[in-house]
Amino acid sequence: MLAALRWLRDGAAGHGIDGTKLAVGGDSAGGNLTLNALIRLRDAGEPLPALGVIVYGMLSSQHETASHRERGDGRFGLSTAKLDWFWTHYAPDAAQRSGPGVAPLHAELAGLPPLVLQAAALDPLLDDTLALDKKLDAAGVPHTTTLYEGVPHGFIGQTALLSKANDAREEVVAALKKAFG
């Protein structure tokens, strides 16, 4: 994702795009990649996108949280066991999983662009988003956090079935309009 952002930013004009008007976002593991890309751009002193969107991000390999205990059995789709499998394959060395380059929830967050956080109430990853919200507050990063009640991980892709998926997408569109005027 980082390489794609740099390529788009640096070559945007050749594609009829304003490279100063970029946003980046992702859901689940894509939320991890989004936050990591923003952190790496900031750390490199490079221009940042105007907005980041993280939808029920997989931001930490810590599974001892209340949301994992209460929602990680798989009855809502995503399970703690599946997340363990994902983490094992993403970072085979368990020692890496607590590092901020792999688990961005452990990174310093000051200096990031405005962020939109969306969480699903029936998700073992709920506490990742809530913890990120608190860390962003402490770091002074402008952000909004919306908890969508009664929906599972992956809900934003279910617009034909769930009105809350449409609400979440409309929230992202409104944030993009605000960021880009």
Protein backbone atom coordinates (compact mmCIF):
# COMPACT_ATOMS: atom_id res chain seq x y z
CA MET A 1 0.00 0.00 0.00
CA LEU A 2 2.85 2.37 0.82
CA ALA A 3 4.39 1.92 -2.63
CA ALA A 4 1.00 2.43 -4.29
CA LEU A 5 0.44 5.67 -2.36
CA ARG A 6 3.85 6.98 -3.31
CA TRP A 7 3.39 6.00 -6.94
CA LEU A 8 -0.02 7.67 -7.09
CA ARG A 9 1.13 10.82 -5.27
CA ASP A 10 4.27 11.22 -7.36
CA GLY A 11 2.74 10.32 -10.72
CA ALA A 12 -0.77 11.62 -10.20
CA ALA A 13 -0.55 14.48 -12.69
CA GLY A 14 0.23 12.05 -15.49
CA HIS A 15 -3.09 10.36 -14.78
CA GLY A 16 -5.15 13.51 -14.47
CA ILE A 17 -5.20 13.30 -10.66
CA ASP A 18 -4.28 15.96 -8.13
CA GLY A 19 -1.62 14.23 -6.02
CA THR A 20 -2.28 16.60 -3.13
CA LYS A 21 -5.86 15.34 -2.84
CA LEU A 22 -5.48 11.75 -1.77
CA ALA A 23 -7.16 9.65 0.88
CA VAL A 24 -6.40 6.10 1.92
CA GLY A 25 -8.49 3.51 3.66
CA GLY A 26 -9.04 -0.14 4.33
CA ASP A 27 -11.04 -2.60 6.32
CA SER A 28 -9.78 -5.39 8.57
CA ALA A 29 -6.20 -6.22 7.50
CA GLY A 30 -6.51 -3.31 5.08
CA GLY A 31 -6.99 -1.06 8.10
CA ASN A 32 -3.65 -2.34 9.39
CA LEU A 33 -2.00 -1.55 6.05
CA THR A 34 -3.65 1.89 5.96
CA LEU A 35 -2.45 2.89 9.42
CA ASN A 36 1.03 1.48 8.78
CA ALA A 37 1.32 3.38 5.49
CA LEU A 38 0.33 6.66 7.16
CA ILE A 39 2.83 6.10 9.97
CA ARG A 40 5.64 5.30 7.53
CA LEU A 41 4.92 8.34 5.37
CA ARG A 42 4.89 10.54 8.46
CA ASP A 43 8.13 9.02 9.75
CA ALA A 44 9.79 9.59 6.36
CA GLY A 45 8.71 13.24 6.39
CA GLU A 46 6.68 12.74 3.21
CA PRO A 47 3.36 14.41 2.36
CA LEU A 48 0.42 12.64 3.94
CA PRO A 49 -2.96 11.90 2.40
CA ALA A 50 -5.67 14.32 3.50
CA LEU A 51 -7.69 11.56 5.19
CA GLY A 52 -7.38 8.00 6.41
CA VAL A 53 -10.29 5.59 6.87
CA ILE A 54 -9.95 2.50 9.05
CA VAL A 55 -12.92 0.15 9.13
CA TYR A 56 -12.78 -2.50 11.88
CA GLY A 57 -9.02 -2.64 11.59
CA MET A 58 -6.88 -5.62 12.59
CA LEU A 59 -4.39 -3.47 14.49
CA SER A 60 -2.97 -5.68 17.22
CA SER A 61 -2.31 -9.38 17.73
CA GLN A 62 -3.46 -9.13 21.35
CA HIS A 63 -6.43 -11.44 21.71
CA GLU A 64 -6.90 -11.24 25.47
CA THR A 65 -9.42 -8.42 25.13
CA ALA A 66 -13.08 -8.38 26.14
CA SER A 67 -14.22 -8.24 22.52
CA HIS A 68 -12.27 -11.41 21.73
CA ARG A 69 -13.63 -13.19 24.82
CA GLU A 70 -17.22 -12.11 24.11
CA ARG A 71 -17.31 -12.27 20.29
CA GLY A 72 -14.36 -14.40 19.18
CA ASP A 73 -16.06 -17.79 19.09
CA GLY A 74 -17.01 -17.47 15.42
CA ARG A 75 -20.78 -17.11 15.82
CA PHE A 76 -20.60 -13.69 14.13
CA GLY A 77 -18.30 -14.89 11.35
CA LEU A 78 -14.79 -13.88 12.38
CA SER A 79 -13.18 -15.86 15.18
CA THR A 80 -10.15 -15.41 17.37
CA ALA A 81 -8.85 -18.72 15.96
CA LYS A 82 -9.00 -17.28 12.41
CA LEU A 83 -7.27 -14.13 13.57
CA ASP A 84 -4.53 -16.21 15.19
CA TRP A 85 -4.06 -17.98 11.85
CA PHE A 86 -3.88 -14.65 10.00
CA TRP A 87 -1.33 -13.24 12.44
CA THR A 88 0.78 -16.41 12.29
CA HIS A 89 0.98 -16.11 8.52
CA TYR A 90 1.41 -12.33 8.45
CA ALA A 91 4.21 -12.34 11.04
CA PRO A 92 5.52 -15.89 11.61
CA ASP A 93 7.96 -14.65 14.24
CA ALA A 94 5.74 -14.07 17.29
CA ALA A 95 8.17 -11.44 18.61
CA GLN A 96 7.39 -9.23 15.58
CA ARG A 97 3.67 -9.14 16.37
CA SER A 98 4.04 -6.61 19.16
CA GLY A 99 6.18 -4.26 17.09
CA PRO A 100 4.60 -1.09 15.70
CA GLY A 101 5.66 -1.93 12.14
CA VAL A 102 3.44 -5.00 12.20
CA ALA A 103 0.84 -4.04 14.82
CA PRO A 104 0.29 -0.30 14.31
CA LEU A 105 -1.78 0.03 17.47
CA HIS A 106 1.58 0.01 19.28
CA ALA A 107 3.02 2.91 17.24
CA GLU A 108 3.37 6.58 18.10
CA LEU A 109 0.39 8.26 16.43
CA ALA A 110 0.97 12.00 16.71
CA GLY A 111 1.20 13.85 13.42
CA LEU A 112 -1.18 11.67 11.43
CA PRO A 113 -3.85 13.17 9.17
CA PRO A 114 -7.52 13.15 10.20
CA LEU A 115 -8.93 9.65 10.48
CA VAL A 116 -12.36 8.08 10.27
CA LEU A 117 -12.71 4.95 12.42
CA GLN A 118 -15.63 2.58 12.02
CA ALA A 119 -16.25 -0.41 14.25
CA ALA A 120 -18.70 -3.30 14.24
CA ALA A 121 -20.21 -4.11 17.63
CA LEU A 122 -20.29 -7.88 16.95
CA ASP A 123 -16.61 -8.14 16.10
CA PRO A 124 -13.69 -9.63 18.02
CA LEU A 125 -11.64 -6.69 16.68
CA LEU A 126 -13.90 -4.10 18.33
CA ASP A 127 -11.39 -3.40 21.10
CA ASP A 128 -8.65 -2.68 18.53
CA THR A 129 -10.72 0.22 17.18
CA LEU A 130 -11.67 1.45 20.65
CA ALA A 131 -8.02 1.35 21.75
CA LEU A 132 -6.99 3.24 18.61
CA ASP A 133 -9.64 5.87 19.36
CA LYS A 134 -8.14 6.44 22.83
CA LYS A 135 -4.58 6.57 21.50
CA LEU A 136 -5.58 9.08 18.82
CA ASP A 137 -7.23 11.25 21.48
CA ALA A 138 -4.05 11.15 23.57
CA ALA A 139 -1.92 11.97 20.52
CA GLY A 140 -4.12 14.88 19.46
CA VAL A 141 -4.98 13.37 16.09
CA PRO A 142 -8.33 14.60 14.72
CA HIS A 143 -10.67 11.69 14.18
CA THR A 144 -14.20 10.42 14.40
CA THR A 145 -15.17 7.01 15.68
CA THR A 146 -18.50 5.37 14.94
CA LEU A 147 -19.63 2.11 16.50
CA TYR A 148 -22.23 0.34 14.38
CA GLU A 149 -24.42 -1.70 16.72
CA GLY A 150 -25.79 -5.12 15.80
CA VAL A 151 -23.45 -5.79 12.88
CA PRO A 152 -20.48 -8.16 12.45
CA HIS A 153 -17.00 -7.80 11.01
CA GLY A 154 -17.29 -7.34 7.25
CA PHE A 155 -20.66 -5.59 7.40
CA ILE A 156 -19.65 -2.61 5.23
CA GLY A 157 -19.71 -4.85 2.15
CA GLN A 158 -23.30 -5.92 2.79
CA THR A 159 -25.12 -2.87 1.43
CA ALA A 160 -27.86 -4.95 -0.17
CA LEU A 161 -28.70 -6.48 3.22
CA LEU A 162 -27.83 -3.97 5.93
CA SER A 163 -28.89 -0.35 6.12
CA LYS A 164 -25.99 0.22 8.54
CA ALA A 165 -23.59 -0.73 5.75
CA ASN A 166 -25.07 2.06 3.66
CA ASP A 167 -24.83 4.40 6.65
CA ALA A 168 -21.14 3.53 7.06
CA ARG A 169 -20.42 4.16 3.40
CA GLU A 170 -22.28 7.47 3.54
CA GLU A 171 -20.15 8.46 6.53
CA VAL A 172 -17.00 7.81 4.50
CA VAL A 173 -18.34 9.79 1.54
CA ALA A 174 -19.19 12.72 3.83
CA ALA A 175 -15.68 12.63 5.31
CA LEU A 176 -14.15 12.63 1.82
CA LYS A 177 -16.31 15.59 0.79
CA LYS A 178 -15.27 17.46 3.92
CA ALA A 179 -11.57 16.66 3.38
CA PHE A 180 -11.60 17.77 -0.24
CA GLY A 181 -14.22 20.52 -0.14
